[in-house]
Amino acid sequence: MLLCVTASHKTASFDLLERLSRTPDGVAPTLVEMTPCVQGAVVLATCNRFEAYVEMDEPVTAAGAIGVEAVLEAVESVTGVPATELDGAYTVHAGRRVAEHLFSVASGLESVVSGEGEIAGQVRRALKSARKEGTTSPELERLFQRASQAQRKVKNVTALGRAGRSLVRLALELADSRIIDWSAERVLLVGTGAYAAVTLATLRERGAVDISVYSPSGRAHIFAAKHGLRAISAEDYARTAAHSSLLITCTTATEPVLGIEQLQRPTGLAAVGCPVDVSTGATASHNQLVVDLGMPRNVDPAVASLEGVALLDLETIRLHAPVEELQATDAARTVVREAADTFHVVGARQSVIPSVVALRSHIFTLLESEIDRARARGDEDGKVEQALRHLSGVLLHTPTARAHELAAAGRADEFAAAISALYGIAPAAASDAGDDAASSIA
């Protein structure tokens, strides 16, 4: 049984999501270790969501309730966020709904900015992290791999990707309200990860040329050499920050990397144009804009109290997210639903394989016994054997086809119960099905 416990920008506060995202890496291993009926777990933590995908042992009574309780307990153990504080801040998807939800997430349909592209990479990295930690399972592997396929199909056959904007693009569009000439901006980029590369490309598209980079983790020189930027050392960080007109932070640091101490500067720094406050639309006297794309936040909120400094963080960006492009979104959701249906049909067929293999093995055992008896009676030309093999094929066709139908309807257990009642046989274990499994349901 698949289960998803999700807290996102739609259900939880920004502060709560920030606290959840500080230490997400240990949640999956803790979940698997502490609950025997959890067969696998993958945690997806982004700037706007925290989700745990879990595969539960199906026969366990009340598996869904046990799974949710286990997730909340693991989250509290690792992140320190009490389970009681999560009340009302999360939703649960189970069974068939899990695939459609993840496929929607991977395709950007559940993002702040509909169709944003960064989430696809984050979904892939979540699976890689689970593999590294040894917490994934065959069904979760299949789920996340199909999510990436669904995302690519949405991107290729709908206009969602072209219509939607990333958080980076939206942030810089909001910054447009105060920037007259991007080529005149003194830009400091703090961070060297995937978001930094996207941010840099978007800055250059807008015409920014005076760009420096600083890395709290010491990777600025490598990033700068690769992208043709100026690397800023730790010693020069505060001075450069104080004299930059646009600062964009996008690191994975769990504590703020930019605060009042870095932005204290001599008075009289030349203002850049006559800005408009991005949160209210009113004209303001800010001459320095700080854009915080980090989750947890990279910038101490206190910097907004400094004279001449405007802070644009994810919470503000979220308030300015555009209305979804309806036609593109509708088309994308159709693709997602179809992909989820296919996922369940394939999964259902796989779930009935052991029962079909058991039935075929039983019939074929009886067949071989009858063929041996026919040969002993003198079936030298093999006509009796041929007739028996044809008859067994005919007899197996209807129950095999019916197994397909029942599995597609989520009733594979009824097929298993039927062959047990009629023939007294049990489904073969997965390891016993062998290479004949695929042909068994063909």
Protein backbone atom coordinates (compact mmCIF):
# COMPACT_ATOMS: atom_id res chain seq x y z
CA MET A 1 0.00 0.00 0.00
CA LEU A 2 1.34 3.41 -1.00
CA LEU A 3 0.85 6.37 1.30
CA CYS A 4 1.79 10.05 1.07
CA VAL A 5 1.77 12.52 3.96
CA THR A 6 2.21 16.02 2.56
CA ALA A 7 2.54 19.51 4.00
CA SER A 8 2.78 22.23 1.37
CA HIS A 9 2.28 25.94 0.78
CA LYS A 10 -1.41 25.11 0.40
CA THR A 11 -1.79 23.63 3.88
CA ALA A 12 1.10 24.84 6.06
CA SER A 13 2.64 28.14 7.05
CA PHE A 14 5.94 29.28 5.62
CA ASP A 15 7.57 29.12 9.06
CA LEU A 16 6.45 25.52 9.60
CA LEU A 17 7.73 24.42 6.18
CA GLU A 18 11.02 26.13 6.94
CA ARG A 19 11.42 24.21 10.19
CA LEU A 20 10.56 20.91 8.49
CA SER A 21 13.10 21.50 5.74
CA ARG A 22 16.05 22.13 8.05
CA THR A 23 16.89 18.46 8.68
CA PRO A 24 14.87 16.30 6.26
CA ASP A 25 17.57 13.75 5.45
CA GLY A 26 17.11 11.57 8.52
CA VAL A 27 13.34 11.19 8.30
CA ALA A 28 13.23 8.28 5.81
CA PRO A 29 15.84 6.10 7.59
CA THR A 30 14.19 6.77 10.95
CA LEU A 31 10.79 5.88 9.53
CA VAL A 32 11.99 2.59 8.06
CA GLU A 33 13.94 1.61 11.17
CA MET A 34 11.24 2.40 13.72
CA THR A 35 8.25 0.77 11.98
CA PRO A 36 8.56 -2.87 10.79
CA CYS A 37 5.52 -2.65 8.49
CA VAL A 38 7.10 0.23 6.54
CA GLN A 39 8.73 -1.38 3.52
CA GLY A 40 10.21 1.80 2.07
CA ALA A 41 10.19 5.59 2.37
CA VAL A 42 11.17 8.56 0.19
CA VAL A 43 11.11 12.13 1.51
CA LEU A 44 10.68 15.09 -0.82
CA ALA A 45 11.61 18.41 0.82
CA THR A 46 11.53 21.62 -1.23
CA CYS A 47 11.01 25.30 -0.53
CA ASN A 48 7.24 24.86 -0.67
CA ARG A 49 6.55 21.31 0.47
CA PHE A 50 7.56 18.49 2.78
CA GLU A 51 6.29 15.06 1.74
CA ALA A 52 6.88 11.51 2.91
CA TYR A 53 6.05 8.71 0.46
CA VAL A 54 5.75 5.36 2.19
CA GLU A 55 5.11 1.78 1.12
CA MET A 56 3.25 -0.12 3.83
CA ASP A 57 2.94 -3.87 4.26
CA GLU A 58 -0.51 -4.42 2.71
CA PRO A 59 -1.86 -7.14 5.06
CA VAL A 60 -1.31 -4.96 8.14
CA THR A 61 -4.62 -3.96 9.70
CA ALA A 62 -5.19 -0.18 9.55
CA ALA A 63 -1.98 0.22 7.56
CA GLY A 64 -2.91 3.77 6.55
CA ALA A 65 -3.39 5.02 10.10
CA ILE A 66 -0.24 3.27 11.25
CA GLY A 67 1.71 4.81 8.38
CA VAL A 68 0.56 8.36 9.12
CA GLU A 69 1.35 7.97 12.81
CA ALA A 70 4.80 6.59 11.95
CA VAL A 71 5.54 9.51 9.63
CA LEU A 72 4.56 12.09 12.24
CA GLU A 73 6.64 10.32 14.87
CA ALA A 74 9.69 10.16 12.58
CA VAL A 75 9.30 13.83 11.65
CA GLU A 76 9.12 14.84 15.30
CA SER A 77 12.14 12.69 16.16
CA VAL A 78 14.33 14.15 13.40
CA THR A 79 13.14 17.74 12.93
CA GLY A 80 11.93 18.48 16.45
CA VAL A 81 8.53 19.64 15.17
CA PRO A 82 5.88 18.14 17.51
CA ALA A 83 3.22 16.01 15.85
CA THR A 84 0.56 18.12 17.54
CA GLU A 85 1.89 21.19 15.75
CA LEU A 86 1.31 19.47 12.42
CA ASP A 87 -2.41 19.05 13.05
CA GLY A 88 -4.28 20.65 10.18
CA ALA A 89 -1.06 21.39 8.29
CA TYR A 90 -0.86 18.17 6.28
CA THR A 91 -3.02 16.03 4.04
CA VAL A 92 -2.87 12.30 3.36
CA HIS A 93 -3.10 10.47 0.04
CA ALA A 94 -3.41 6.69 -0.06
CA GLY A 95 -3.65 3.94 -2.67
CA ARG A 96 -4.56 5.13 -6.14
CA ARG A 97 -4.37 8.83 -5.21
CA VAL A 98 -0.64 8.74 -4.41
CA ALA A 99 0.53 8.35 -8.00
CA GLU A 100 -1.66 11.16 -9.34
CA HIS A 101 -0.48 13.45 -6.56
CA LEU A 102 3.23 12.78 -7.11
CA PHE A 103 2.86 13.02 -10.90
CA SER A 104 1.14 16.39 -10.41
CA VAL A 105 3.90 17.56 -8.08
CA ALA A 106 6.66 16.45 -10.46
CA SER A 107 4.95 18.23 -13.35
CA GLY A 108 4.76 21.52 -11.44
CA LEU A 109 0.98 21.47 -11.12
CA GLU A 110 1.14 21.79 -7.33
CA SER A 111 3.86 24.46 -7.25
CA VAL A 112 3.50 28.09 -6.24
CA VAL A 113 4.16 28.92 -9.88
CA SER A 114 2.24 26.48 -12.05
CA GLY A 115 4.60 24.62 -14.35
CA GLU A 116 7.85 25.64 -12.62
CA GLY A 117 10.67 23.40 -13.75
CA GLU A 118 12.91 23.06 -10.69
CA ILE A 119 10.61 20.57 -8.96
CA ALA A 120 11.31 17.81 -11.51
CA GLY A 121 14.96 17.73 -10.52
CA GLN A 122 14.06 17.79 -6.84
CA VAL A 123 11.82 14.73 -7.30
CA ARG A 124 14.66 12.85 -9.00
CA ARG A 125 17.09 13.83 -6.25
CA ALA A 126 14.66 12.63 -3.57
CA LEU A 127 14.72 9.15 -5.11
CA LYS A 128 18.52 9.19 -5.39
CA SER A 129 18.78 10.18 -1.75
CA ALA A 130 16.49 7.30 -0.74
CA ARG A 131 18.61 4.90 -2.76
CA LYS A 132 21.74 6.17 -1.05
CA GLU A 133 20.13 5.77 2.37
CA GLY A 134 18.77 2.34 1.46
CA THR A 135 15.16 3.29 2.21
CA THR A 136 13.52 2.90 -1.18
CA SER A 137 11.46 -0.11 -2.28
CA PRO A 138 10.56 -1.64 -5.67
CA GLU A 139 7.12 0.01 -5.70
CA LEU A 140 8.49 3.41 -4.67
CA GLU A 141 11.18 3.07 -7.33
CA ARG A 142 8.50 2.43 -9.92
CA LEU A 143 6.38 5.31 -8.59
CA PHE A 144 9.16 7.90 -8.78
CA GLN A 145 10.48 6.70 -12.13
CA ARG A 146 6.99 6.95 -13.61
CA ALA A 147 6.65 10.42 -12.07
CA SER A 148 9.66 11.59 -14.08
CA GLN A 149 8.17 10.05 -17.23
CA ALA A 150 4.86 11.80 -16.60
CA GLN A 151 6.65 15.11 -16.06
CA ARG A 152 8.49 14.80 -19.37
CA LYS A 153 5.27 13.98 -21.19
CA VAL A 154 3.51 17.00 -19.65
CA LYS A 155 6.42 19.16 -20.74
CA ASN A 156 6.44 17.74 -24.29
CA VAL A 157 2.73 17.64 -25.11
CA THR A 158 1.28 20.60 -23.22
CA ALA A 159 1.99 24.32 -23.04
CA LEU A 160 2.37 24.27 -19.26
CA GLY A 161 6.14 24.42 -19.24
CA ARG A 162 6.16 27.30 -21.70
CA ALA A 163 3.43 29.21 -19.88
CA GLY A 164 4.62 28.61 -16.35
CA ARG A 165 7.46 30.48 -14.68
CA SER A 166 10.02 29.37 -12.17
CA LEU A 167 10.33 30.93 -8.74
CA VAL A 168 13.55 32.54 -9.92
CA ARG A 169 11.86 34.14 -12.91
CA LEU A 170 8.93 35.30 -10.85
CA ALA A 171 11.25 36.84 -8.25
CA LEU A 172 13.17 38.75 -10.91
CA GLU A 173 9.95 39.87 -12.56
CA LEU A 174 8.94 41.36 -9.21
CA ALA A 175 12.38 42.96 -8.96
CA ASP A 176 11.73 44.62 -12.34
CA SER A 177 9.53 47.10 -10.52
CA ARG A 178 12.61 48.78 -9.00
CA ILE A 179 15.33 48.12 -11.55
CA ILE A 180 15.68 50.54 -14.46
CA ASP A 181 18.77 49.07 -16.09
CA TRP A 182 19.84 45.52 -15.27
CA SER A 183 23.25 46.09 -16.83
CA ALA A 184 23.93 48.77 -14.20
CA GLU A 185 23.10 46.52 -11.23
CA ARG A 186 25.89 45.36 -8.91
CA VAL A 187 24.71 41.79 -8.28
CA LEU A 188 25.96 39.44 -5.58
CA LEU A 189 24.84 35.82 -5.90
CA VAL A 190 25.15 33.84 -2.68
CA GLY A 191 25.16 30.10 -3.37
CA THR A 192 26.55 27.76 -6.02
CA GLY A 193 23.97 24.98 -6.31
CA ALA A 194 21.39 24.14 -8.97
CA TYR A 195 19.23 27.16 -8.10
CA ALA A 196 22.29 29.41 -8.41
CA ALA A 197 22.91 28.24 -11.97
CA VAL A 198 19.27 28.88 -12.91
CA THR A 199 19.38 32.29 -11.23
CA LEU A 200 22.56 33.24 -13.04
CA ALA A 201 21.12 32.27 -16.43
CA THR A 202 17.97 34.29 -15.71
CA LEU A 203 19.99 37.32 -14.59
CA ARG A 204 21.99 37.26 -17.79
CA GLU A 205 18.82 36.94 -19.86
CA ARG A 206 17.70 40.21 -18.32
CA GLY A 207 20.98 41.90 -19.13
CA ALA A 208 22.89 41.77 -15.82
CA VAL A 209 26.65 41.79 -16.35
CA ASP A 210 28.21 42.93 -13.05
CA ILE A 211 27.78 39.68 -11.10
CA SER A 212 29.86 38.28 -8.25
CA VAL A 213 29.40 35.00 -6.40
CA TYR A 214 30.03 34.00 -2.80
CA SER A 215 29.71 30.48 -1.38
CA PRO A 216 29.38 29.85 2.37
CA SER A 217 30.68 26.34 1.66
CA GLY A 218 33.79 27.57 -0.15
CA ARG A 219 32.86 26.60 -3.73
CA ALA A 220 32.72 30.11 -5.17
CA HIS A 221 35.97 29.86 -7.15
CA ILE A 222 34.89 26.67 -8.94
CA PHE A 223 31.47 28.11 -9.79
CA ALA A 224 32.99 31.45 -10.84
CA ALA A 225 35.55 29.81 -13.12
CA LYS A 226 32.84 27.71 -14.78
CA HIS A 227 30.47 30.63 -15.37
CA GLY A 228 32.85 33.56 -15.89
CA LEU A 229 32.11 35.42 -12.64
CA ARG A 230 34.10 37.09 -9.87
CA ALA A 231 34.51 34.90 -6.81
CA ILE A 232 34.19 36.65 -3.46
CA SER A 233 36.20 35.42 -0.49
CA ALA A 234 34.89 35.17 3.04
CA GLU A 235 37.02 38.18 4.01
CA ASP A 236 35.44 40.34 1.28
CA TYR A 237 31.88 39.04 1.68
CA ALA A 238 30.53 41.73 4.00
CA ARG A 239 32.12 44.60 2.07
CA THR A 240 30.82 43.27 -1.26
CA ALA A 241 27.36 42.63 0.18
CA ALA A 242 27.16 46.15 1.58
CA HIS A 243 28.00 47.68 -1.80
CA SER A 244 25.81 45.44 -3.98
CA SER A 245 22.52 46.83 -5.24
CA LEU A 246 20.96 43.38 -5.76
CA LEU A 247 21.69 40.35 -3.58
CA ILE A 248 20.19 36.94 -4.33
CA THR A 249 20.66 34.07 -1.90
CA CYS A 250 19.96 30.45 -2.83
CA THR A 251 21.95 28.13 -0.59
CA THR A 252 21.01 24.95 1.26
CA ALA A 253 22.38 26.32 4.53
CA THR A 254 20.16 25.63 7.53
CA GLU A 255 20.96 28.98 9.16
CA PRO A 256 20.89 32.52 7.66
CA VAL A 257 23.99 33.41 5.67
CA LEU A 258 23.13 37.09 5.24
CA GLY A 259 22.27 39.41 8.12
CA ILE A 260 22.48 42.97 9.34
CA GLU A 261 26.20 42.62 10.03
CA GLN A 262 26.93 42.01 6.33
CA LEU A 263 24.74 44.86 5.09
CA GLN A 264 25.99 47.65 7.36
CA ARG A 265 27.59 50.13 5.02
CA PRO A 266 28.57 53.77 4.82
CA THR A 267 25.66 56.14 4.28
CA GLY A 268 25.26 57.86 0.97
CA LEU A 269 25.50 54.80 -1.25
CA ALA A 270 24.02 55.88 -4.56
CA ALA A 271 20.44 54.79 -5.03
CA VAL A 272 19.51 52.79 -8.09
CA GLY A 273 16.51 54.47 -9.68
CA CYS A 274 13.31 55.19 -7.80
CA PRO A 275 12.07 51.80 -6.70
CA VAL A 276 8.61 50.49 -6.12
CA ASP A 277 7.97 48.37 -3.04
CA VAL A 278 7.29 44.89 -4.45
CA SER A 279 4.94 43.95 -1.61
CA THR A 280 2.71 47.04 -1.72
CA GLY A 281 3.35 48.58 -5.11
CA ALA A 282 4.10 51.94 -3.45
CA THR A 283 7.08 54.08 -4.35
CA ALA A 284 9.88 53.66 -1.81
CA SER A 285 13.39 54.93 -1.22
CA HIS A 286 15.09 51.52 -1.17
CA ASN A 287 18.45 51.38 -2.93
CA GLN A 288 19.28 47.76 -2.17
CA LEU A 289 17.13 44.71 -2.92
CA VAL A 290 17.70 41.36 -1.23
CA VAL A 291 16.01 38.31 -2.77
CA ASP A 292 15.96 35.25 -0.53
CA LEU A 293 15.25 32.02 -2.44
CA GLY A 294 16.49 29.76 0.35
CA MET A 295 14.49 27.22 2.32
CA PRO A 296 15.18 27.37 5.20
CA ARG A 297 15.52 31.11 4.77
CA ASN A 298 19.03 32.33 3.95
CA VAL A 299 18.46 35.91 5.07
CA ASP A 300 17.78 37.19 8.56
CA PRO A 301 14.35 38.90 8.33
CA ALA A 302 15.82 41.75 10.42
CA VAL A 303 17.62 43.11 7.34
CA ALA A 304 14.27 44.48 6.18
CA SER A 305 14.48 46.95 9.05
CA LEU A 306 17.62 48.53 7.64
CA GLU A 307 17.12 51.86 5.93
CA GLY A 308 17.40 51.54 2.17
CA VAL A 309 17.01 47.74 2.12
CA ALA A 310 14.04 45.84 0.65
CA LEU A 311 13.67 42.12 1.30
CA LEU A 312 11.84 39.85 -1.11
CA ASP A 313 11.52 36.34 0.32
CA LEU A 314 9.62 33.21 -0.67
CA GLU A 315 6.63 34.18 1.41
CA THR A 316 6.28 37.45 -0.50
CA ILE A 317 6.92 35.75 -3.83
CA ARG A 318 4.16 33.29 -3.04
CA LEU A 319 1.67 36.13 -2.59
CA HIS A 320 2.47 37.35 -6.10
CA ALA A 321 2.25 33.94 -7.82
CA PRO A 322 0.32 34.26 -11.08
CA VAL A 323 -3.10 32.78 -11.72
CA GLU A 324 -2.71 29.36 -13.35
CA GLU A 325 -2.86 29.26 -17.13
CA LEU A 326 -6.11 27.30 -17.25
CA GLN A 327 -5.93 25.61 -20.65
CA ALA A 328 -2.34 24.46 -20.16
CA THR A 329 -3.10 23.24 -16.66
CA ASP A 330 -6.21 21.32 -17.74
CA ALA A 331 -4.28 19.58 -20.51
CA ALA A 332 -1.45 18.75 -18.13
CA ARG A 333 -3.83 17.29 -15.55
CA THR A 334 -5.33 15.06 -18.22
CA VAL A 335 -1.86 13.72 -19.02
CA VAL A 336 -1.20 13.19 -15.31
CA ARG A 337 -4.47 11.31 -14.76
CA GLU A 338 -3.79 9.04 -17.72
CA ALA A 339 -0.26 8.35 -16.48
CA ALA A 340 -1.60 7.56 -13.00
CA ASP A 341 -4.22 5.20 -14.46
CA THR A 342 -1.52 3.39 -16.43
CA PHE A 343 0.63 3.16 -13.31
CA HIS A 344 -2.19 1.47 -11.41
CA VAL A 345 -3.11 -0.91 -14.24
CA VAL A 346 0.49 -2.07 -14.57
CA GLY A 347 0.80 -2.37 -10.80
CA ALA A 348 -2.45 -4.29 -10.55
CA ARG A 349 -1.34 -6.73 -13.22
CA GLN A 350 1.90 -7.26 -11.37
CA SER A 351 0.00 -7.89 -8.16
CA VAL A 352 -2.00 -10.71 -9.75
CA ILE A 353 1.05 -12.38 -11.36
CA PRO A 354 1.75 -14.74 -8.41
CA SER A 355 -1.84 -16.02 -8.46
CA VAL A 356 -1.84 -16.54 -12.23
CA VAL A 357 1.52 -18.31 -12.03
CA ALA A 358 0.17 -20.57 -9.29
CA LEU A 359 -2.91 -21.48 -11.36
CA ARG A 360 -0.89 -22.16 -14.50
CA SER A 361 1.64 -24.22 -12.58
CA HIS A 362 -1.18 -26.28 -11.11
CA ILE A 363 -2.81 -26.87 -14.51
CA PHE A 364 0.50 -27.63 -16.22
CA THR A 365 1.38 -30.16 -13.52
CA LEU A 366 -1.91 -31.94 -14.15
CA LEU A 367 -1.33 -31.66 -17.91
CA GLU A 368 2.10 -33.27 -17.80
CA SER A 369 0.68 -36.10 -15.68
CA GLU A 370 -2.06 -36.78 -18.24
CA ILE A 371 0.40 -36.60 -21.13
CA ASP A 372 2.60 -39.18 -19.42
CA ARG A 373 -0.46 -41.45 -19.02
CA ALA A 374 -1.37 -40.99 -22.68
CA ARG A 375 2.13 -41.91 -23.79
CA ALA A 376 2.02 -44.99 -21.60
CA ARG A 377 -1.19 -46.04 -23.38
CA GLY A 378 0.51 -45.74 -26.78
CA ASP A 379 0.03 -42.14 -27.96
CA GLU A 380 2.85 -42.60 -30.47
CA ASP A 381 1.77 -39.93 -32.95
CA GLY A 382 1.32 -37.30 -30.17
CA LYS A 383 -2.25 -36.40 -31.16
CA VAL A 384 -3.59 -36.89 -27.63
CA GLU A 385 -0.78 -34.75 -26.24
CA GLN A 386 -1.52 -32.03 -28.78
CA ALA A 387 -5.22 -32.09 -27.89
CA LEU A 388 -4.48 -31.95 -24.18
CA ARG A 389 -2.14 -28.96 -24.58
CA HIS A 390 -4.74 -27.16 -26.70
CA LEU A 391 -7.45 -27.89 -24.12
CA SER A 392 -5.31 -26.58 -21.25
CA GLY A 393 -4.69 -23.38 -23.17
CA VAL A 394 -8.40 -22.91 -23.79
CA LEU A 395 -9.23 -23.62 -20.14
CA LEU A 396 -6.62 -21.12 -18.91
CA HIS A 397 -7.58 -18.31 -21.27
CA THR A 398 -10.76 -17.20 -19.51
CA PRO A 399 -9.43 -17.20 -15.92
CA THR A 400 -6.24 -15.42 -17.07
CA ALA A 401 -8.28 -12.75 -18.85
CA ARG A 402 -10.55 -12.47 -15.84
CA ALA A 403 -7.49 -12.05 -13.61
CA HIS A 404 -6.54 -9.02 -15.76
CA GLU A 405 -9.99 -7.52 -15.32
CA LEU A 406 -10.13 -8.08 -11.58
CA ALA A 407 -6.64 -6.70 -11.08
CA ALA A 408 -7.46 -3.56 -13.08
CA ALA A 409 -10.48 -3.06 -10.80
CA GLY A 410 -8.34 -3.49 -7.69
CA ARG A 411 -9.80 -6.94 -6.94
CA ALA A 412 -6.74 -9.15 -7.44
CA ASP A 413 -7.29 -10.61 -3.98
CA GLU A 414 -10.62 -12.05 -5.16
CA PHE A 415 -8.84 -14.01 -7.87
CA ALA A 416 -6.37 -15.37 -5.32
CA ALA A 417 -9.25 -16.35 -3.02
CA ALA A 418 -11.07 -18.06 -5.89
CA ILE A 419 -8.22 -20.34 -6.94
CA SER A 420 -7.56 -21.11 -3.30
CA ALA A 421 -11.20 -22.14 -2.79
CA LEU A 422 -11.45 -24.10 -6.05
CA TYR A 423 -8.05 -25.75 -6.28
CA GLY A 424 -6.57 -25.38 -2.81
CA ILE A 425 -3.51 -23.60 -4.16
CA ALA A 426 -1.77 -20.46 -2.90
CA PRO A 427 -0.13 -17.72 -5.00
CA ALA A 428 3.51 -18.32 -5.78
CA ALA A 429 6.04 -16.12 -4.00
CA ALA A 430 7.53 -13.35 -6.14
CA SER A 431 10.88 -15.11 -6.24
CA ASP A 432 9.21 -18.30 -7.47
CA ALA A 433 7.41 -16.61 -10.35
CA GLY A 434 10.66 -16.32 -12.25
CA ASP A 435 10.87 -15.34 -15.87
CA ASP A 436 7.53 -16.97 -16.63
CA ALA A 437 5.65 -14.16 -14.87
CA ALA A 438 5.38 -11.94 -17.91
CA SER A 439 4.12 -14.69 -20.16
CA SER A 440 1.76 -15.91 -17.47
CA ILE A 441 -0.50 -12.91 -17.85
CA ALA A 442 0.07 -12.28 -21.53
